[in-house]
Protein backbone atom coordinates (compact mmCIF):
# COMPACT_ATOMS: atom_id res chain seq x y z
CA MET A 1 153.59 73.03 80.25
CA ASN A 2 151.25 74.85 82.64
CA ILE A 3 150.28 78.32 81.56
CA ASP A 4 148.91 80.88 84.00
CA LEU A 5 145.63 81.70 82.24
CA VAL A 6 145.19 85.03 84.03
CA LYS A 7 148.67 86.22 83.02
CA LEU A 8 148.13 84.99 79.47
CA GLY A 9 144.84 86.88 79.28
CA GLN A 10 146.46 90.03 80.64
CA LYS A 11 149.24 89.75 78.06
CA ILE A 12 146.80 89.29 75.19
CA LYS A 13 144.71 92.26 76.37
CA PHE A 14 147.86 94.38 76.83
CA GLU A 15 149.05 93.58 73.30
CA ARG A 16 145.59 94.15 71.83
CA ILE A 17 145.26 97.57 73.44
CA ARG A 18 148.84 98.49 72.54
CA ARG A 19 147.96 97.83 68.92
CA ASN A 20 144.71 99.82 69.17
CA LEU A 21 142.58 96.79 68.36
CA SER A 22 139.10 96.18 69.69
CA GLN A 23 138.12 92.72 70.87
CA GLU A 24 135.99 92.43 67.76
CA GLU A 25 138.93 93.25 65.48
CA LEU A 26 141.30 90.81 67.20
CA ALA A 27 138.62 88.11 67.23
CA GLU A 28 138.17 88.52 63.49
CA LEU A 29 141.92 88.54 62.81
CA SER A 30 142.45 85.40 64.87
CA SER A 31 139.24 83.56 63.85
CA LEU A 32 137.89 83.48 67.42
CA SER A 33 134.52 84.56 68.73
CA VAL A 34 134.38 87.81 70.68
CA HIS A 35 132.93 85.92 73.64
CA GLY A 36 135.75 83.36 73.49
CA LEU A 37 138.40 86.07 73.27
CA SER A 38 136.82 87.91 76.20
CA ASN A 39 136.94 84.72 78.29
CA VAL A 40 140.61 84.23 77.39
CA GLU A 41 141.48 87.83 78.29
CA THR A 42 139.86 87.45 81.70
CA GLY A 43 141.48 84.06 82.34
CA LYS A 44 138.11 82.32 82.59
CA THR A 45 138.87 79.68 79.98
CA ASP A 46 141.73 77.69 78.57
CA ILE A 47 142.88 78.30 75.00
CA ARG A 48 143.90 75.88 72.31
CA TYR A 49 147.44 75.94 70.98
CA THR A 50 146.16 76.66 67.46
CA ASN A 51 144.22 79.68 68.75
CA LEU A 52 147.33 80.96 70.52
CA LEU A 53 149.16 80.71 67.21
CA GLN A 54 146.41 82.63 65.46
CA ILE A 55 146.54 85.40 68.06
CA SER A 56 150.33 85.64 67.84
CA LYS A 57 150.06 85.87 64.04
CA ALA A 58 147.43 88.59 64.37
CA PHE A 59 149.90 90.50 66.57
CA ASP A 60 152.74 89.73 64.13
CA MET A 61 154.80 88.27 66.94
CA ARG A 62 156.34 84.91 67.74
CA LEU A 63 154.44 82.65 70.10
CA CYS A 64 157.31 82.70 72.60
CA GLU A 65 156.96 86.50 72.77
CA LEU A 66 153.25 86.18 73.50
CA LEU A 67 154.02 83.71 76.28
CA ASP A 68 156.62 86.03 77.87
CA PHE A 69 154.66 87.53 80.77
CA ASN A 70 157.25 90.15 81.76
CA LEU A 71 155.12 93.10 80.74
């Protein structure tokens, strides 16, 4: 499955802001580095499946919801 990294990053940033989380807070909740999370949010880097799961858990949402780009 090909994932649009820019759209994924926008969705993660949208959900993070909607939940009033800083990048530092989400990085800690999802066991990612702040730099890595920033690169994901800007679509500059790919993300591992396990990290996507950690982010979805931090948001308390299913992975399929995180991958739904209809903001």
